[in-house]
């Protein structure tokens, strides 16, 4: 049975979309397979086909960044902490710069997710329901909050005690 060009593209989209922690690597591996690999279909990707793969990588970045800002994930095996969200957001920004994609709209979504996460975390810690799971320093968290537009200068002082000590 011969696989069609669309099936090859759909398969690689799936790999990129559901890739691990660094979607850009999966994106370029998919492009290599589709266009150059000995065992690949040796396609000439159209701009629309390339955009489809880029969007899959962008969706995966969004998913892994927001995953660690969802309070319900704090006690699960998929949780990596805010430090991981910060690192993944930095990777996402670099990816967007290289691809000429505007990351500002997603930055606003991240700001809202971070605000909701910090509210839930501070309430749970204050009630004694849990120890803080924030695994970055106040400076790292504050720099991130400023970068995504959550604050102009600094997070409230009560957030400091939730953070890893510098």
N, C-alpha and C. Protein backbone atom coordinates (compact mmCIF):
# COMPACT_ATOMS: atom_id res chain seq x y z
N UNK A 1 0.84 -1.18 0.00
CA UNK A 1 0.00 0.00 0.00
C UNK A 1 0.89 1.24 0.00
N UNK A 2 0.65 2.14 -0.90
CA UNK A 2 1.42 3.36 -1.02
C UNK A 2 0.80 4.45 -0.15
N UNK A 3 1.67 5.14 0.58
CA UNK A 3 1.21 6.24 1.43
C UNK A 3 1.18 7.51 0.58
N UNK A 4 0.09 8.25 0.66
CA UNK A 4 -0.04 9.48 -0.11
C UNK A 4 0.74 10.61 0.55
N UNK A 5 0.97 11.67 -0.21
CA UNK A 5 1.66 12.85 0.31
C UNK A 5 0.91 13.40 1.52
N UNK A 6 -0.41 13.48 1.42
CA UNK A 6 -1.20 14.00 2.54
C UNK A 6 -1.07 13.13 3.78
N UNK A 7 -1.00 11.83 3.59
CA UNK A 7 -0.83 10.93 4.74
C UNK A 7 0.54 11.13 5.39
N UNK A 8 1.58 11.28 4.58
CA UNK A 8 2.91 11.58 5.13
C UNK A 8 2.87 12.87 5.94
N UNK A 9 2.27 13.89 5.36
CA UNK A 9 2.19 15.19 6.02
C UNK A 9 1.39 15.09 7.32
N UNK A 10 0.26 14.41 7.28
CA UNK A 10 -0.55 14.24 8.48
C UNK A 10 0.20 13.48 9.57
N UNK A 11 0.94 12.45 9.17
CA UNK A 11 1.73 11.69 10.15
C UNK A 11 2.77 12.57 10.82
N UNK A 12 3.46 13.38 10.03
CA UNK A 12 4.50 14.25 10.59
C UNK A 12 3.88 15.37 11.42
N UNK A 13 2.72 15.88 11.01
CA UNK A 13 2.01 16.88 11.82
C UNK A 13 1.74 16.28 13.20
N UNK A 14 1.26 15.06 13.23
CA UNK A 14 0.95 14.39 14.50
C UNK A 14 2.21 14.27 15.37
N UNK A 15 3.32 13.90 14.77
CA UNK A 15 4.58 13.77 15.52
C UNK A 15 4.98 15.12 16.11
N UNK A 16 4.91 16.18 15.32
CA UNK A 16 5.29 17.51 15.80
C UNK A 16 4.32 17.97 16.89
N UNK A 17 3.05 17.82 16.64
CA UNK A 17 2.03 18.31 17.58
C UNK A 17 2.12 17.60 18.93
N UNK A 18 2.48 16.35 18.94
CA UNK A 18 2.51 15.59 20.18
C UNK A 18 3.94 15.24 20.59
N UNK A 19 4.87 16.09 20.16
CA UNK A 19 6.28 15.87 20.48
C UNK A 19 6.52 16.11 21.96
N UNK A 20 7.73 15.91 22.37
CA UNK A 20 8.10 16.08 23.77
C UNK A 20 8.26 17.53 24.16
N UNK A 21 9.31 17.80 24.90
CA UNK A 21 9.52 19.11 25.50
C UNK A 21 10.12 20.14 24.55
N UNK A 22 10.65 19.73 23.42
CA UNK A 22 11.25 20.70 22.50
C UNK A 22 10.65 20.50 21.10
N UNK A 23 9.50 21.10 20.85
CA UNK A 23 8.79 20.88 19.59
C UNK A 23 9.57 21.30 18.35
N UNK A 24 10.46 22.25 18.50
CA UNK A 24 11.20 22.72 17.32
C UNK A 24 12.09 21.62 16.75
N UNK A 25 12.63 20.77 17.61
CA UNK A 25 13.43 19.65 17.12
C UNK A 25 12.56 18.70 16.30
N UNK A 26 11.38 18.41 16.80
CA UNK A 26 10.45 17.55 16.05
C UNK A 26 10.06 18.19 14.73
N UNK A 27 9.88 19.50 14.73
CA UNK A 27 9.53 20.22 13.50
C UNK A 27 10.59 20.03 12.43
N UNK A 28 11.84 20.24 12.80
CA UNK A 28 12.91 20.12 11.80
C UNK A 28 13.18 18.67 11.42
N UNK A 29 12.96 17.75 12.35
CA UNK A 29 13.06 16.33 12.00
C UNK A 29 11.97 15.96 10.99
N UNK A 30 10.77 16.50 11.18
CA UNK A 30 9.68 16.24 10.24
C UNK A 30 10.00 16.82 8.86
N UNK A 31 10.52 18.04 8.85
CA UNK A 31 10.87 18.65 7.56
C UNK A 31 11.95 17.83 6.85
N UNK A 32 12.94 17.38 7.62
CA UNK A 32 14.00 16.56 7.02
C UNK A 32 13.41 15.27 6.44
N UNK A 33 12.58 14.59 7.23
CA UNK A 33 11.98 13.34 6.75
C UNK A 33 11.17 13.58 5.47
N UNK A 34 10.33 14.61 5.50
CA UNK A 34 9.44 14.86 4.36
C UNK A 34 10.18 15.31 3.10
N UNK A 35 11.30 16.00 3.27
CA UNK A 35 11.94 16.61 2.10
C UNK A 35 13.27 15.98 1.69
N UNK A 36 14.02 15.38 2.63
CA UNK A 36 15.38 14.96 2.31
C UNK A 36 15.73 13.52 2.65
N UNK A 37 15.07 12.93 3.61
CA UNK A 37 15.46 11.61 4.11
C UNK A 37 15.37 10.55 3.01
N UNK A 38 16.32 9.63 3.05
CA UNK A 38 16.34 8.53 2.07
C UNK A 38 15.02 7.76 2.07
N UNK A 39 14.48 7.51 3.26
CA UNK A 39 13.24 6.73 3.36
C UNK A 39 11.99 7.61 3.37
N UNK A 40 12.15 8.91 3.15
CA UNK A 40 11.02 9.83 3.15
C UNK A 40 10.44 10.03 1.76
N UNK A 41 9.37 10.80 1.66
CA UNK A 41 8.70 11.00 0.37
C UNK A 41 9.37 12.03 -0.54
N UNK A 42 10.40 12.73 -0.04
CA UNK A 42 11.14 13.74 -0.83
C UNK A 42 10.19 14.78 -1.43
N UNK A 43 9.36 15.33 -0.58
CA UNK A 43 8.38 16.32 -0.98
C UNK A 43 9.02 17.70 -1.14
N UNK A 44 8.36 18.55 -1.87
CA UNK A 44 8.64 19.98 -1.85
C UNK A 44 7.49 20.58 -1.06
N UNK A 45 7.76 20.96 0.18
CA UNK A 45 6.68 21.48 1.02
C UNK A 45 6.21 22.83 0.50
N UNK A 46 4.91 22.97 0.36
CA UNK A 46 4.34 24.27 -0.01
C UNK A 46 4.36 25.16 1.23
N UNK A 47 4.22 26.47 1.04
CA UNK A 47 4.15 27.36 2.20
C UNK A 47 3.01 26.96 3.16
N UNK A 48 1.88 26.54 2.62
CA UNK A 48 0.76 26.12 3.49
C UNK A 48 1.10 24.86 4.27
N UNK A 49 1.79 23.93 3.64
CA UNK A 49 2.18 22.70 4.34
C UNK A 49 3.18 23.01 5.46
N UNK A 50 4.16 23.87 5.17
CA UNK A 50 5.14 24.26 6.18
C UNK A 50 4.45 25.00 7.33
N UNK A 51 3.51 25.89 6.99
CA UNK A 51 2.78 26.63 8.02
C UNK A 51 2.00 25.68 8.92
N UNK A 52 1.43 24.64 8.34
CA UNK A 52 0.69 23.65 9.13
C UNK A 52 1.61 23.00 10.16
N UNK A 53 2.82 22.66 9.76
CA UNK A 53 3.78 22.06 10.69
C UNK A 53 4.25 23.08 11.74
N UNK A 54 4.47 24.32 11.31
CA UNK A 54 4.85 25.38 12.26
C UNK A 54 3.77 25.58 13.32
N UNK A 55 2.52 25.59 12.88
CA UNK A 55 1.42 25.76 13.82
C UNK A 55 1.35 24.60 14.81
N UNK A 56 1.65 23.39 14.36
CA UNK A 56 1.66 22.24 15.26
C UNK A 56 2.73 22.41 16.33
N UNK A 57 3.91 22.90 15.93
CA UNK A 57 4.98 23.14 16.91
C UNK A 57 4.56 24.24 17.88
N UNK A 58 3.95 25.30 17.36
CA UNK A 58 3.47 26.38 18.23
C UNK A 58 2.42 25.91 19.22
N UNK A 59 1.51 25.07 18.76
CA UNK A 59 0.48 24.52 19.66
C UNK A 59 1.11 23.67 20.75
N UNK A 60 2.12 22.90 20.39
CA UNK A 60 2.78 22.06 21.39
C UNK A 60 3.52 22.92 22.41
N UNK A 61 4.20 23.97 21.95
CA UNK A 61 4.84 24.89 22.90
C UNK A 61 3.81 25.45 23.87
N UNK A 62 2.69 25.92 23.34
CA UNK A 62 1.65 26.49 24.19
C UNK A 62 1.18 25.48 25.24
N UNK A 63 0.99 24.26 24.79
CA UNK A 63 0.51 23.21 25.69
C UNK A 63 1.49 22.95 26.83
N UNK A 64 2.78 22.83 26.52
CA UNK A 64 3.74 22.51 27.58
C UNK A 64 4.02 23.71 28.48
N UNK A 65 3.88 24.92 27.96
CA UNK A 65 4.06 26.11 28.80
C UNK A 65 2.90 26.23 29.79
N UNK A 66 1.68 26.09 29.29
CA UNK A 66 0.50 26.25 30.15
C UNK A 66 0.30 25.08 31.10
N UNK A 67 0.76 23.90 30.72
CA UNK A 67 0.59 22.70 31.55
C UNK A 67 1.08 22.94 32.98
N UNK A 68 2.21 23.60 33.12
CA UNK A 68 2.79 23.79 34.45
C UNK A 68 2.27 25.04 35.15
N UNK A 69 1.26 25.68 34.57
CA UNK A 69 0.58 26.79 35.22
C UNK A 69 -0.87 26.44 35.54
N UNK A 70 -1.22 25.19 35.40
CA UNK A 70 -2.57 24.75 35.74
C UNK A 70 -2.54 24.16 37.15
N UNK A 71 -3.21 24.83 38.09
CA UNK A 71 -3.16 24.36 39.49
C UNK A 71 -3.52 22.89 39.67
N UNK A 72 -4.43 22.37 38.87
CA UNK A 72 -4.83 20.97 39.03
C UNK A 72 -3.71 20.00 38.65
N UNK A 73 -2.66 20.48 37.99
CA UNK A 73 -1.55 19.60 37.62
C UNK A 73 -0.46 19.53 38.68
N UNK A 74 -0.55 20.33 39.74
CA UNK A 74 0.54 20.42 40.72
C UNK A 74 0.91 19.09 41.36
N UNK A 75 0.00 18.22 41.57
CA UNK A 75 0.29 16.94 42.23
C UNK A 75 0.30 15.76 41.26
N UNK A 76 0.56 16.03 40.00
CA UNK A 76 0.56 14.96 39.01
C UNK A 76 1.97 14.71 38.48
N UNK A 77 2.12 13.59 37.81
CA UNK A 77 3.43 13.23 37.26
C UNK A 77 3.83 14.10 36.07
N UNK A 78 2.88 14.80 35.46
CA UNK A 78 3.23 15.65 34.32
C UNK A 78 3.72 17.03 34.75
N UNK A 79 3.56 17.36 36.02
CA UNK A 79 3.93 18.70 36.50
C UNK A 79 5.44 18.84 36.59
N UNK A 80 5.97 19.91 36.01
CA UNK A 80 7.41 20.18 36.05
C UNK A 80 7.73 21.48 36.78
N UNK A 81 6.73 22.30 37.04
CA UNK A 81 6.94 23.53 37.79
C UNK A 81 7.07 24.77 36.92
N UNK A 82 6.97 25.92 37.60
CA UNK A 82 7.05 27.19 36.88
C UNK A 82 8.42 27.39 36.24
N UNK A 83 9.47 26.85 36.85
CA UNK A 83 10.79 26.98 36.24
C UNK A 83 10.78 26.39 34.83
N UNK A 84 10.08 25.30 34.64
CA UNK A 84 9.99 24.66 33.33
C UNK A 84 9.15 25.51 32.38
N UNK A 85 8.06 26.10 32.88
CA UNK A 85 7.26 27.00 32.04
C UNK A 85 8.10 28.18 31.57
N UNK A 86 8.90 28.72 32.47
CA UNK A 86 9.75 29.86 32.12
C UNK A 86 10.74 29.45 31.04
N UNK A 87 11.40 28.32 31.21
CA UNK A 87 12.37 27.84 30.22
C UNK A 87 11.69 27.57 28.88
N UNK A 88 10.53 26.94 28.91
CA UNK A 88 9.81 26.66 27.67
C UNK A 88 9.32 27.93 26.99
N UNK A 89 8.93 28.93 27.78
CA UNK A 89 8.49 30.20 27.20
C UNK A 89 9.67 30.88 26.50
N UNK A 90 10.85 30.81 27.12
CA UNK A 90 12.04 31.38 26.47
C UNK A 90 12.33 30.67 25.15
N UNK A 91 12.21 29.36 25.14
CA UNK A 91 12.39 28.60 23.89
C UNK A 91 11.34 29.01 22.85
N UNK A 92 10.10 29.17 23.32
CA UNK A 92 9.01 29.58 22.43
C UNK A 92 9.30 30.95 21.82
N UNK A 93 9.78 31.88 22.63
CA UNK A 93 10.11 33.21 22.10
C UNK A 93 11.19 33.12 21.02
N UNK A 94 12.22 32.33 21.27
CA UNK A 94 13.29 32.15 20.27
C UNK A 94 12.72 31.54 18.99
N UNK A 95 11.89 30.53 19.16
CA UNK A 95 11.23 29.88 18.02
C UNK A 95 10.44 30.91 17.22
N UNK A 96 9.66 31.74 17.90
CA UNK A 96 8.84 32.75 17.22
C UNK A 96 9.71 33.76 16.48
N UNK A 97 10.80 34.19 17.11
CA UNK A 97 11.71 35.12 16.44
C UNK A 97 12.28 34.50 15.16
N UNK A 98 12.73 33.25 15.26
CA UNK A 98 13.32 32.59 14.09
C UNK A 98 12.29 32.41 12.97
N UNK A 99 11.04 32.19 13.35
CA UNK A 99 10.00 31.92 12.35
C UNK A 99 9.21 33.16 11.95
N UNK A 100 9.52 34.30 12.57
CA UNK A 100 8.80 35.53 12.25
C UNK A 100 7.36 35.52 12.74
N UNK A 101 7.14 34.87 13.89
CA UNK A 101 5.80 34.75 14.46
C UNK A 101 5.69 35.69 15.66
N UNK A 102 4.57 36.37 15.79
CA UNK A 102 4.32 37.28 16.91
C UNK A 102 3.87 36.48 18.13
N UNK A 103 4.61 36.59 19.23
CA UNK A 103 4.30 35.84 20.45
C UNK A 103 3.50 36.65 21.46
N UNK A 104 3.20 37.91 21.18
CA UNK A 104 2.56 38.78 22.18
C UNK A 104 1.18 38.30 22.62
N UNK A 105 0.37 37.84 21.70
CA UNK A 105 -0.97 37.39 22.07
C UNK A 105 -0.90 36.22 23.05
N UNK A 106 -0.02 35.28 22.78
CA UNK A 106 0.14 34.16 23.70
C UNK A 106 0.71 34.64 25.03
N UNK A 107 1.56 35.65 25.01
CA UNK A 107 2.09 36.22 26.26
C UNK A 107 0.97 36.69 27.17
N UNK A 108 -0.06 37.28 26.60
CA UNK A 108 -1.21 37.72 27.41
C UNK A 108 -1.94 36.52 28.02
N UNK A 109 -2.06 35.45 27.25
CA UNK A 109 -2.69 34.24 27.77
C UNK A 109 -1.86 33.65 28.92
N UNK A 110 -0.56 33.68 28.76
CA UNK A 110 0.34 33.19 29.81
C UNK A 110 0.21 34.06 31.06
N UNK A 111 0.10 35.37 30.89
CA UNK A 111 -0.05 36.27 32.04
C UNK A 111 -1.30 35.91 32.84
N UNK A 112 -2.39 35.65 32.18
CA UNK A 112 -3.64 35.27 32.87
C UNK A 112 -3.46 33.94 33.58
N UNK A 113 -2.86 32.97 32.90
CA UNK A 113 -2.64 31.65 33.52
C UNK A 113 -1.74 31.77 34.74
N UNK A 114 -0.71 32.59 34.65
CA UNK A 114 0.21 32.78 35.78
C UNK A 114 -0.50 33.44 36.94
N UNK A 115 -1.32 34.44 36.67
CA UNK A 115 -2.09 35.10 37.74
C UNK A 115 -2.99 34.10 38.46
N UNK A 116 -3.71 33.29 37.70
CA UNK A 116 -4.61 32.30 38.30
C UNK A 116 -3.82 31.25 39.09
N UNK A 117 -2.67 30.85 38.56
CA UNK A 117 -1.84 29.87 39.26
C UNK A 117 -1.35 30.45 40.59
N UNK A 118 -0.83 31.68 40.55
CA UNK A 118 -0.31 32.29 41.78
C UNK A 118 -1.41 32.50 42.81
N UNK A 119 -2.60 32.85 42.36
CA UNK A 119 -3.72 33.01 43.29
C UNK A 119 -4.05 31.68 43.95
N UNK A 120 -4.16 30.62 43.18
CA UNK A 120 -4.48 29.29 43.74
C UNK A 120 -3.37 28.82 44.67
N UNK A 121 -2.14 29.00 44.27
CA UNK A 121 -1.00 28.54 45.08
C UNK A 121 -0.94 29.31 46.40
N UNK A 122 -1.12 30.62 46.35
CA UNK A 122 -1.04 31.41 47.58
C UNK A 122 -2.18 31.07 48.54
N UNK A 123 -3.36 30.84 48.03
CA UNK A 123 -4.49 30.46 48.89
C UNK A 123 -4.24 29.09 49.52
N UNK A 124 -3.83 28.13 48.72
CA UNK A 124 -3.59 26.78 49.25
C UNK A 124 -2.47 26.76 50.28
N UNK A 125 -1.40 27.50 50.04
CA UNK A 125 -0.29 27.54 51.00
C UNK A 125 -0.73 28.26 52.27
N UNK A 126 -1.47 29.37 52.14
CA UNK A 126 -1.94 30.12 53.32
C UNK A 126 -2.88 29.28 54.18
N UNK A 127 -3.70 28.45 53.55
CA UNK A 127 -4.62 27.58 54.30
C UNK A 127 -3.91 26.38 54.91
N UNK A 128 -2.65 26.18 54.55
CA UNK A 128 -1.91 25.02 55.04
C UNK A 128 -2.24 23.75 54.28
N UNK A 129 -2.89 23.89 53.15
CA UNK A 129 -3.29 22.72 52.37
C UNK A 129 -2.11 22.08 51.64
N UNK A 130 -1.04 22.83 51.48
CA UNK A 130 0.12 22.31 50.76
C UNK A 130 1.32 23.21 50.99
N UNK A 131 2.50 22.65 50.74
CA UNK A 131 3.71 23.46 50.69
C UNK A 131 3.79 24.04 49.28
N UNK A 132 4.44 25.15 49.15
CA UNK A 132 4.56 25.75 47.83
C UNK A 132 5.32 24.85 46.87
N UNK A 133 4.85 24.80 45.65
CA UNK A 133 5.52 23.99 44.62
C UNK A 133 6.27 24.88 43.63
N UNK A 134 6.37 26.16 43.92
CA UNK A 134 7.06 27.07 43.00
C UNK A 134 8.56 26.79 43.09
N UNK A 135 9.13 26.38 41.98
CA UNK A 135 10.51 25.90 41.96
C UNK A 135 11.47 26.86 41.28
N UNK A 136 11.16 28.15 41.36
CA UNK A 136 12.06 29.16 40.83
C UNK A 136 12.19 30.27 41.86
N UNK A 137 13.18 31.12 41.68
CA UNK A 137 13.38 32.22 42.62
C UNK A 137 12.36 33.32 42.37
N UNK A 138 12.22 34.21 43.34
CA UNK A 138 11.34 35.36 43.18
C UNK A 138 11.79 36.20 41.99
N UNK A 139 13.09 36.40 41.85
CA UNK A 139 13.61 37.19 40.74
C UNK A 139 13.23 36.56 39.40
N UNK A 140 13.43 35.25 39.27
CA UNK A 140 13.08 34.56 38.02
C UNK A 140 11.58 34.68 37.73
N UNK A 141 10.77 34.49 38.76
CA UNK A 141 9.32 34.58 38.59
C UNK A 141 8.90 36.01 38.25
N UNK A 142 9.47 36.98 38.95
CA UNK A 142 9.13 38.37 38.70
C UNK A 142 9.55 38.80 37.29
N UNK A 143 10.75 38.39 36.87
CA UNK A 143 11.20 38.72 35.50
C UNK A 143 10.23 38.13 34.47
N UNK A 144 9.80 36.91 34.70
CA UNK A 144 8.84 36.25 33.81
C UNK A 144 7.51 36.99 33.81
N UNK A 145 7.02 37.36 34.99
CA UNK A 145 5.75 38.08 35.10
C UNK A 145 5.82 39.41 34.35
N UNK A 146 6.96 40.08 34.42
CA UNK A 146 7.12 41.33 33.67
C UNK A 146 7.17 41.05 32.17
N UNK A 147 7.88 40.01 31.78
CA UNK A 147 8.02 39.68 30.36
C UNK A 147 6.66 39.42 29.70
N UNK A 148 5.78 38.71 30.40
CA UNK A 148 4.47 38.38 29.81
C UNK A 148 3.43 39.47 30.05
N UNK A 149 3.83 40.53 30.75
CA UNK A 149 2.94 41.66 30.95
C UNK A 149 2.00 41.55 32.13
N UNK A 150 2.27 40.63 33.06
CA UNK A 150 1.42 40.51 34.24
C UNK A 150 1.63 41.69 35.18
N UNK A 151 2.87 42.13 35.35
CA UNK A 151 3.19 43.28 36.19
C UNK A 151 4.14 44.20 35.44
N UNK A 152 4.14 45.47 35.86
CA UNK A 152 5.09 46.41 35.26
C UNK A 152 6.41 46.42 36.01
N UNK A 153 6.32 46.38 37.35
CA UNK A 153 7.55 46.43 38.15
C UNK A 153 7.78 45.14 38.89
N UNK A 154 6.90 44.83 39.84
CA UNK A 154 7.15 43.61 40.61
C UNK A 154 5.86 42.98 41.12
N UNK A 155 5.97 41.68 41.34
CA UNK A 155 4.87 40.92 41.93
C UNK A 155 4.68 41.36 43.37
N UNK A 156 3.50 41.13 43.94
CA UNK A 156 3.28 41.48 45.34
C UNK A 156 4.29 40.77 46.25
N UNK A 157 4.63 41.40 47.35
CA UNK A 157 5.66 40.85 48.24
C UNK A 157 5.28 39.49 48.81
N UNK A 158 3.98 39.21 48.99
CA UNK A 158 3.60 37.92 49.56
C UNK A 158 3.99 36.74 48.66
N UNK A 159 4.22 37.00 47.39
CA UNK A 159 4.62 35.93 46.47
C UNK A 159 6.04 35.45 46.79
N UNK A 160 6.85 36.34 47.35
CA UNK A 160 8.25 36.01 47.63
C UNK A 160 8.38 34.76 48.49
N UNK A 161 7.54 34.63 49.51
CA UNK A 161 7.67 33.47 50.41
C UNK A 161 7.25 32.15 49.74
N UNK A 162 6.57 32.24 48.61
CA UNK A 162 6.19 31.03 47.87
C UNK A 162 7.33 30.48 47.01
N UNK A 163 8.31 31.33 46.76
CA UNK A 163 9.37 31.00 45.81
C UNK A 163 10.55 30.30 46.48
N UNK A 164 11.31 29.62 45.65
CA UNK A 164 12.56 29.01 46.10
C UNK A 164 13.48 30.14 46.55
N UNK A 165 14.16 29.94 47.64
CA UNK A 165 15.06 30.98 48.16
C UNK A 165 16.29 31.10 47.28
N UNK A 166 16.69 32.36 47.06
CA UNK A 166 17.84 32.62 46.18
C UNK A 166 19.13 32.38 46.91
